[in-house]
Amino acid sequence: MKKAVDFIQRYEMLSTVIIIVGVWIAYILRFVIVLVFVSYIVTATFMPLVTILRKKKIPKVLAVLTPYFITIIVLIGFVIPIIPVLLEQGNLFIQNFPDYIGRALTLLPLSVNFGALTEFFTARLGSFSENIFSFTMGFIEALLFFLSILIISFYMIYDYEVIKTWILRLTSDLNRKDTIEHTLRIAELKLGAWFRGQLILSLFVGALNWLGYTVIGLPYALPLALIAGVLELIPTIGPILGAIPALIIAITVSPTLFLLTLFVYMGVQILESNVLVPKVMQRVIGVHPIIIILSVIIGGKLMGITGALLSIPLVSLIGVIVEMREQKVNDAHPS
């Protein structure tokens, strides 16, 4: 670290050029960087199960493949059966949501050009549902991205020790090697715990919202529950954003349905906060809400919904590195 600082101070112009070029290259390769980062998160998520299986003398290939088999079984058993209903309700939801927004705004004491507003949302949401070619290409790209994550994460897990050894060879300092190895271990534990916890919370919130919305008779219960579950991945502000579409639709039907929808939302959040979060998120790094909100905004601005979702684990990873750095400094200079 000291050598790097000395280099920057001695060659300020060259260092500035190197930093600018590095940022430019990172921006050009942002898709690859995101792909590797997501694969690393999946690796950290699956690694504890693989480690347990290896300790039980399960062959390496079978141990590595087991988490993927479990994922496929879950997809086939729980996700694929609801796809037809989701597509049907989702298509109607996309087509009619602009009208619901316009009708909801008529209940507010605001002067709004509803025709222009409806046209604005219809042009954007409607083009998504009508442009079959764009939708198909987007689906293919998403599928290839998903398959790439599975393949890369598989080799990251299978060759985990080889990759770790290669990373440690970047330095010859034994103390620095210990620090890097310890940082990697803590980062994997935190990221894996975060991702597993967020998946459990998302499934919990999505399933309970679907059940609640169905019971109270809210239209488009499945896509609305899916929105709530996905946005649950964004801490602090995600649950609030996930409730807004459901409340907009409910208020246009009746005040009673609005209150029932609000009751379902509050009930799910109370159960989540008091029952599930303390159990599944105990080992996750605490991040201040202000940092969460800023990182989500910056990530969303740079890379859309993908950047917003990945901003939290990235901030957590940076937090681990800073924490390990501070611990090393404190150990070197005890008070």
Protein backbone atom coordinates (compact mmCIF):
# COMPACT_ATOMS: atom_id res chain seq x y z
CA MET A 1 0.00 0.00 0.00
CA LYS A 2 2.82 2.40 0.95
CA LYS A 3 4.61 1.64 -2.33
CA ALA A 4 1.48 2.46 -4.29
CA VAL A 5 1.09 5.79 -2.44
CA ASP A 6 4.76 6.65 -3.06
CA PHE A 7 4.35 5.84 -6.77
CA ILE A 8 1.26 8.06 -7.07
CA GLN A 9 3.00 10.93 -5.30
CA ARG A 10 6.12 10.63 -7.45
CA TYR A 11 4.39 10.18 -10.81
CA GLU A 12 1.18 12.18 -10.43
CA MET A 13 0.50 12.67 -14.15
CA LEU A 14 1.20 9.03 -15.03
CA SER A 15 -0.88 7.83 -12.08
CA THR A 16 -3.80 10.02 -13.18
CA VAL A 17 -3.65 8.59 -16.70
CA ILE A 18 -3.47 5.02 -15.36
CA ILE A 19 -6.51 5.60 -13.10
CA ILE A 20 -8.54 7.18 -15.93
CA VAL A 21 -7.65 4.36 -18.33
CA GLY A 22 -8.46 1.78 -15.65
CA VAL A 23 -11.89 3.30 -15.00
CA TRP A 24 -12.56 3.47 -18.76
CA ILE A 25 -11.57 -0.19 -19.24
CA ALA A 26 -13.73 -1.20 -16.25
CA TYR A 27 -16.68 0.64 -17.77
CA ILE A 28 -16.17 -1.06 -21.15
CA LEU A 29 -15.92 -4.45 -19.44
CA ARG A 30 -18.71 -3.78 -16.93
CA PHE A 31 -20.77 -6.70 -18.23
CA VAL A 32 -17.89 -9.14 -17.68
CA ILE A 33 -17.16 -7.64 -14.24
CA VAL A 34 -20.81 -8.01 -13.22
CA LEU A 35 -20.83 -11.59 -14.56
CA VAL A 36 -17.75 -12.54 -12.53
CA PHE A 37 -19.05 -10.75 -9.40
CA VAL A 38 -22.43 -12.48 -9.53
CA SER A 39 -20.67 -15.82 -10.13
CA TYR A 40 -18.53 -15.13 -7.06
CA ILE A 41 -21.68 -14.48 -5.00
CA VAL A 42 -23.16 -17.79 -6.21
CA THR A 43 -19.87 -19.50 -5.35
CA ALA A 44 -19.96 -18.05 -1.83
CA THR A 45 -23.58 -19.19 -1.51
CA PHE A 46 -22.98 -22.79 -2.57
CA MET A 47 -19.54 -23.26 -1.00
CA PRO A 48 -20.66 -24.18 2.58
CA LEU A 49 -22.80 -27.08 1.31
CA VAL A 50 -20.00 -28.28 -0.96
CA THR A 51 -17.55 -28.13 1.96
CA ILE A 52 -19.89 -30.21 4.15
CA LEU A 53 -20.34 -32.81 1.40
CA ARG A 54 -16.59 -33.03 0.80
CA LYS A 55 -16.00 -33.63 4.54
CA LYS A 56 -18.43 -36.56 4.24
CA LYS A 57 -16.16 -38.06 1.53
CA ILE A 58 -18.60 -37.30 -1.31
CA PRO A 59 -16.75 -37.27 -4.68
CA LYS A 60 -15.71 -33.77 -5.66
CA VAL A 61 -17.73 -33.52 -8.88
CA LEU A 62 -20.89 -34.81 -7.21
CA ALA A 63 -20.41 -32.47 -4.23
CA VAL A 64 -20.03 -29.46 -6.52
CA LEU A 65 -23.02 -30.44 -8.67
CA THR A 66 -25.37 -31.06 -5.72
CA PRO A 67 -26.31 -27.36 -5.14
CA TYR A 68 -27.09 -27.01 -8.84
CA PHE A 69 -29.27 -30.15 -8.78
CA ILE A 70 -31.18 -28.72 -5.80
CA THR A 71 -31.63 -25.41 -7.65
CA ILE A 72 -32.96 -27.18 -10.75
CA ILE A 73 -35.37 -29.30 -8.67
CA VAL A 74 -36.72 -26.16 -6.97
CA LEU A 75 -37.18 -24.44 -10.34
CA ILE A 76 -38.97 -27.43 -11.84
CA GLY A 77 -41.12 -28.05 -8.78
CA PHE A 78 -42.13 -24.53 -7.77
CA VAL A 79 -41.30 -21.98 -10.49
CA ILE A 80 -42.19 -23.62 -13.80
CA PRO A 81 -45.79 -24.55 -12.75
CA ILE A 82 -46.68 -20.89 -12.06
CA ILE A 83 -45.18 -19.50 -15.28
CA PRO A 84 -48.41 -19.81 -17.38
CA VAL A 85 -50.45 -17.95 -14.74
CA LEU A 86 -47.68 -15.39 -14.32
CA LEU A 87 -47.48 -14.70 -18.05
CA GLU A 88 -51.25 -14.32 -18.33
CA GLN A 89 -51.64 -12.02 -15.34
CA GLY A 90 -48.37 -10.21 -16.07
CA ASN A 91 -49.41 -9.33 -19.61
CA LEU A 92 -52.75 -7.93 -18.41
CA PHE A 93 -50.99 -6.06 -15.59
CA ILE A 94 -48.55 -4.40 -18.01
CA GLN A 95 -51.36 -3.38 -20.35
CA ASN A 96 -53.68 -2.00 -17.66
CA PHE A 97 -51.29 -0.52 -15.09
CA PRO A 98 -51.06 2.93 -16.79
CA ASP A 99 -54.84 3.20 -16.54
CA TYR A 100 -54.73 2.27 -12.85
CA ILE A 101 -52.15 5.01 -12.24
CA GLY A 102 -54.34 7.59 -13.97
CA ARG A 103 -57.41 6.53 -11.98
CA ALA A 104 -55.44 6.59 -8.72
CA LEU A 105 -54.20 10.13 -9.41
CA THR A 106 -57.76 11.35 -9.91
CA LEU A 107 -58.27 10.66 -6.20
CA LEU A 108 -55.52 13.13 -5.30
CA PRO A 109 -56.00 16.93 -5.16
CA LEU A 110 -53.49 17.49 -7.97
CA SER A 111 -53.72 19.02 -11.41
CA VAL A 112 -52.34 16.33 -13.70
CA ASN A 113 -52.56 15.82 -17.44
CA PHE A 114 -53.89 12.26 -17.22
CA GLY A 115 -53.96 11.74 -20.95
CA ALA A 116 -50.27 12.56 -21.32
CA LEU A 117 -49.41 10.47 -18.25
CA THR A 118 -51.29 7.45 -19.53
CA GLU A 119 -49.70 7.85 -22.95
CA PHE A 120 -46.25 8.05 -21.32
CA PHE A 121 -46.64 4.77 -19.40
CA THR A 122 -48.45 3.03 -22.24
CA ALA A 123 -45.66 3.90 -24.68
CA ARG A 124 -43.06 2.32 -22.38
CA LEU A 125 -44.91 -0.60 -20.84
CA GLY A 126 -46.89 -1.32 -23.98
CA SER A 127 -43.81 -1.50 -26.17
CA PHE A 128 -42.42 -4.11 -23.79
CA SER A 129 -45.42 -6.38 -24.22
CA GLU A 130 -45.91 -5.76 -27.95
CA ASN A 131 -42.37 -5.92 -29.26
CA ILE A 132 -42.01 -9.68 -29.40
CA PHE A 133 -38.58 -9.55 -31.03
CA SER A 134 -37.07 -7.33 -28.33
CA PHE A 135 -38.67 -9.42 -25.59
CA THR A 136 -37.37 -12.65 -27.15
CA MET A 137 -33.85 -11.26 -27.53
CA GLY A 138 -33.93 -10.00 -23.96
CA PHE A 139 -35.04 -13.43 -22.74
CA ILE A 140 -32.24 -15.13 -24.71
CA GLU A 141 -29.65 -12.70 -23.32
CA ALA A 142 -30.93 -13.27 -19.77
CA LEU A 143 -30.82 -17.05 -20.29
CA LEU A 144 -27.25 -16.89 -21.61
CA PHE A 145 -26.27 -14.66 -18.66
CA PHE A 146 -27.82 -17.17 -16.24
CA LEU A 147 -26.09 -20.14 -17.90
CA SER A 148 -22.77 -18.25 -17.89
CA ILE A 149 -23.13 -17.64 -14.15
CA LEU A 150 -23.77 -21.34 -13.54
CA ILE A 151 -20.76 -22.41 -15.60
CA ILE A 152 -18.35 -19.83 -14.17
CA SER A 153 -19.46 -20.44 -10.58
CA PHE A 154 -19.13 -24.21 -11.12
CA TYR A 155 -15.47 -23.85 -12.09
CA MET A 156 -14.89 -21.33 -9.30
CA ILE A 157 -16.11 -23.91 -6.80
CA TYR A 158 -14.42 -26.90 -8.47
CA ASP A 159 -11.04 -25.12 -8.74
CA TYR A 160 -11.48 -23.09 -5.57
CA GLU A 161 -8.13 -24.01 -4.04
CA VAL A 162 -6.29 -23.46 -7.33
CA ILE A 163 -7.83 -20.00 -7.76
CA LYS A 164 -7.07 -19.06 -4.15
CA THR A 165 -3.46 -20.19 -4.54
CA TRP A 166 -3.13 -18.13 -7.72
CA ILE A 167 -4.47 -15.04 -5.92
CA LEU A 168 -2.08 -15.53 -2.98
CA ARG A 169 0.86 -15.79 -5.39
CA LEU A 170 0.32 -12.13 -6.29
CA THR A 171 2.29 -11.24 -3.16
CA SER A 172 5.37 -12.76 -1.54
CA ASP A 173 4.75 -11.16 1.86
CA LEU A 174 3.58 -13.90 4.27
CA ASN A 175 1.69 -11.46 6.50
CA ARG A 176 -0.07 -10.00 3.48
CA LYS A 177 -0.94 -13.49 2.26
CA ASP A 178 -2.56 -14.26 5.63
CA THR A 179 -4.50 -10.98 5.44
CA ILE A 180 -5.71 -11.66 1.90
CA GLU A 181 -6.73 -15.24 2.76
CA HIS A 182 -8.58 -14.08 5.88
CA THR A 183 -10.31 -11.29 3.93
CA LEU A 184 -11.42 -13.74 1.22
CA ARG A 185 -12.79 -16.14 3.84
CA ILE A 186 -14.76 -13.42 5.68
CA ALA A 187 -16.03 -11.93 2.38
CA GLU A 188 -17.28 -15.33 1.22
CA LEU A 189 -19.04 -15.97 4.52
CA LYS A 190 -20.72 -12.56 4.49
CA LEU A 191 -21.70 -12.56 0.81
CA GLY A 192 -22.94 -16.14 0.97
CA ALA A 193 -24.97 -15.43 4.11
CA TRP A 194 -26.35 -12.24 2.54
CA PHE A 195 -27.46 -13.94 -0.68
CA ARG A 196 -28.97 -16.98 1.03
CA GLY A 197 -30.74 -14.72 3.50
CA GLN A 198 -32.08 -12.41 0.78
CA LEU A 199 -33.37 -15.37 -1.24
CA ILE A 200 -35.21 -16.72 1.80
CA LEU A 201 -36.67 -13.29 2.59
CA SER A 202 -37.71 -12.72 -1.03
CA LEU A 203 -39.43 -16.11 -1.27
CA PHE A 204 -41.09 -15.55 2.11
CA VAL A 205 -42.36 -12.07 1.19
CA GLY A 206 -43.44 -13.10 -2.30
CA ALA A 207 -45.32 -16.21 -1.13
CA LEU A 208 -47.09 -14.47 1.76
CA ASN A 209 -48.05 -11.49 -0.39
CA TRP A 210 -49.40 -13.83 -3.07
CA LEU A 211 -51.46 -15.66 -0.44
CA GLY A 212 -52.68 -12.43 1.14
CA TYR A 213 -53.49 -10.70 -2.15
CA THR A 214 -55.38 -13.77 -3.36
CA VAL A 215 -57.43 -14.02 -0.17
CA ILE A 216 -58.51 -10.35 -0.25
CA GLY A 217 -59.27 -10.53 -3.99
CA LEU A 218 -56.63 -8.07 -5.26
CA PRO A 219 -56.30 -8.20 -9.08
CA TYR A 220 -52.98 -9.42 -10.53
CA ALA A 221 -52.00 -11.04 -7.22
CA LEU A 222 -49.16 -13.13 -8.70
CA PRO A 223 -47.23 -10.41 -10.61
CA LEU A 224 -47.70 -7.98 -7.71
CA ALA A 225 -46.33 -10.57 -5.28
CA LEU A 226 -43.41 -11.22 -7.65
CA ILE A 227 -42.61 -7.49 -7.72
CA ALA A 228 -42.68 -7.38 -3.91
CA GLY A 229 -40.42 -10.43 -3.68
CA VAL A 230 -37.84 -9.15 -6.17
CA LEU A 231 -37.71 -5.66 -4.62
CA GLU A 232 -37.20 -7.29 -1.22
CA LEU A 233 -33.63 -7.86 -2.45
CA ILE A 234 -33.07 -4.11 -1.98
CA PRO A 235 -32.86 -3.45 1.77
CA THR A 236 -34.65 -0.52 3.44
CA ILE A 237 -36.40 0.97 0.40
CA GLY A 238 -37.21 -2.23 -1.51
CA PRO A 239 -40.21 -3.30 0.63
CA ILE A 240 -41.75 0.18 0.34
CA LEU A 241 -41.33 0.24 -3.46
CA GLY A 242 -42.75 -3.28 -3.69
CA ALA A 243 -45.98 -2.24 -1.99
CA ILE A 244 -46.69 0.80 -4.19
CA PRO A 245 -48.08 -1.02 -7.31
CA ALA A 246 -50.41 -3.13 -5.15
CA LEU A 247 -51.68 -0.07 -3.26
CA ILE A 248 -52.22 1.86 -6.52
CA ILE A 249 -54.41 -0.92 -7.93
CA ALA A 250 -56.23 -1.44 -4.64
CA ILE A 251 -57.20 2.24 -4.22
CA THR A 252 -58.79 2.27 -7.67
CA VAL A 253 -61.05 -0.67 -6.73
CA SER A 254 -62.30 0.42 -3.30
CA PRO A 255 -61.12 2.03 -0.05
CA THR A 256 -61.79 -1.27 1.71
CA LEU A 257 -59.47 -3.18 -0.62
CA PHE A 258 -56.83 -0.47 -0.14
CA LEU A 259 -56.97 -0.91 3.64
CA LEU A 260 -56.87 -4.70 3.31
CA THR A 261 -53.84 -4.48 0.98
CA LEU A 262 -52.12 -2.14 3.43
CA PHE A 263 -52.92 -4.60 6.22
CA VAL A 264 -51.39 -7.48 4.24
CA TYR A 265 -48.25 -5.40 3.54
CA MET A 266 -47.84 -4.40 7.21
CA GLY A 267 -48.54 -7.93 8.42
CA VAL A 268 -45.90 -9.44 6.11
CA GLN A 269 -43.35 -6.80 7.12
CA ILE A 270 -44.00 -7.36 10.84
CA LEU A 271 -43.60 -11.13 10.45
CA GLU A 272 -40.46 -10.66 8.38
CA SER A 273 -38.85 -8.12 10.72
CA ASN A 274 -39.61 -9.95 13.97
CA VAL A 275 -39.44 -13.61 12.97
CA LEU A 276 -37.40 -14.22 9.84
CA VAL A 277 -34.79 -11.43 9.68
CA PRO A 278 -33.25 -12.18 13.12
CA LYS A 279 -32.88 -15.85 12.11
CA VAL A 280 -31.52 -15.64 8.57
CA MET A 281 -29.57 -12.35 8.57
CA GLN A 282 -27.50 -12.73 11.76
CA ARG A 283 -24.18 -13.06 9.92
CA VAL A 284 -24.74 -10.33 7.37
CA ILE A 285 -22.70 -7.14 7.51
CA GLY A 286 -24.62 -4.21 8.96
CA VAL A 287 -24.76 -1.33 6.47
CA HIS A 288 -26.11 2.08 7.43
CA PRO A 289 -29.44 2.93 5.70
CA ILE A 290 -27.97 6.12 4.21
CA ILE A 291 -25.18 4.12 2.56
CA ILE A 292 -27.73 1.58 1.32
CA ILE A 293 -29.93 4.25 -0.27
CA LEU A 294 -27.00 6.09 -1.88
CA SER A 295 -25.44 2.88 -3.20
CA VAL A 296 -28.78 1.72 -4.65
CA ILE A 297 -29.29 5.10 -6.36
CA ILE A 298 -25.74 5.14 -7.77
CA GLY A 299 -25.94 1.49 -8.86
CA GLY A 300 -29.32 2.05 -10.49
CA LYS A 301 -28.03 5.15 -12.29
CA LEU A 302 -25.00 3.32 -13.65
CA MET A 303 -26.49 -0.07 -14.55
CA GLY A 304 -30.24 0.04 -13.99
CA ILE A 305 -31.96 -2.61 -11.90
CA THR A 306 -28.89 -4.88 -12.05
CA GLY A 307 -26.71 -2.16 -10.55
CA ALA A 308 -29.27 -1.42 -7.85
CA LEU A 309 -29.46 -5.08 -6.81
CA LEU A 310 -25.69 -5.63 -6.84
CA SER A 311 -24.86 -2.39 -5.03
CA ILE A 312 -25.55 -3.89 -1.59
CA PRO A 313 -23.22 -6.94 -1.83
CA LEU A 314 -20.56 -4.70 -3.40
CA VAL A 315 -20.78 -2.25 -0.50
CA SER A 316 -20.66 -5.19 1.91
CA LEU A 317 -17.54 -6.52 0.19
CA ILE A 318 -15.88 -3.11 0.38
CA GLY A 319 -16.86 -2.98 4.05
CA VAL A 320 -15.09 -6.28 4.70
CA ILE A 321 -11.91 -5.06 2.98
CA VAL A 322 -11.94 -1.78 4.96
CA GLU A 323 -12.64 -3.66 8.20
CA MET A 324 -9.75 -6.06 7.60
CA ARG A 325 -7.47 -3.13 6.73
CA GLU A 326 -8.39 -1.28 9.94
CA GLN A 327 -7.90 -4.44 11.98
CA LYS A 328 -4.41 -4.90 10.51
CA VAL A 329 -3.50 -1.29 11.31
CA ASN A 330 -4.81 -1.66 14.88
CA ASP A 331 -2.84 -4.89 15.35
CA ALA A 332 0.31 -3.19 14.07
CA HIS A 333 -0.19 -0.11 16.27
CA PRO A 334 -2.06 -1.19 19.43
CA SER A 335 -3.16 1.66 21.66
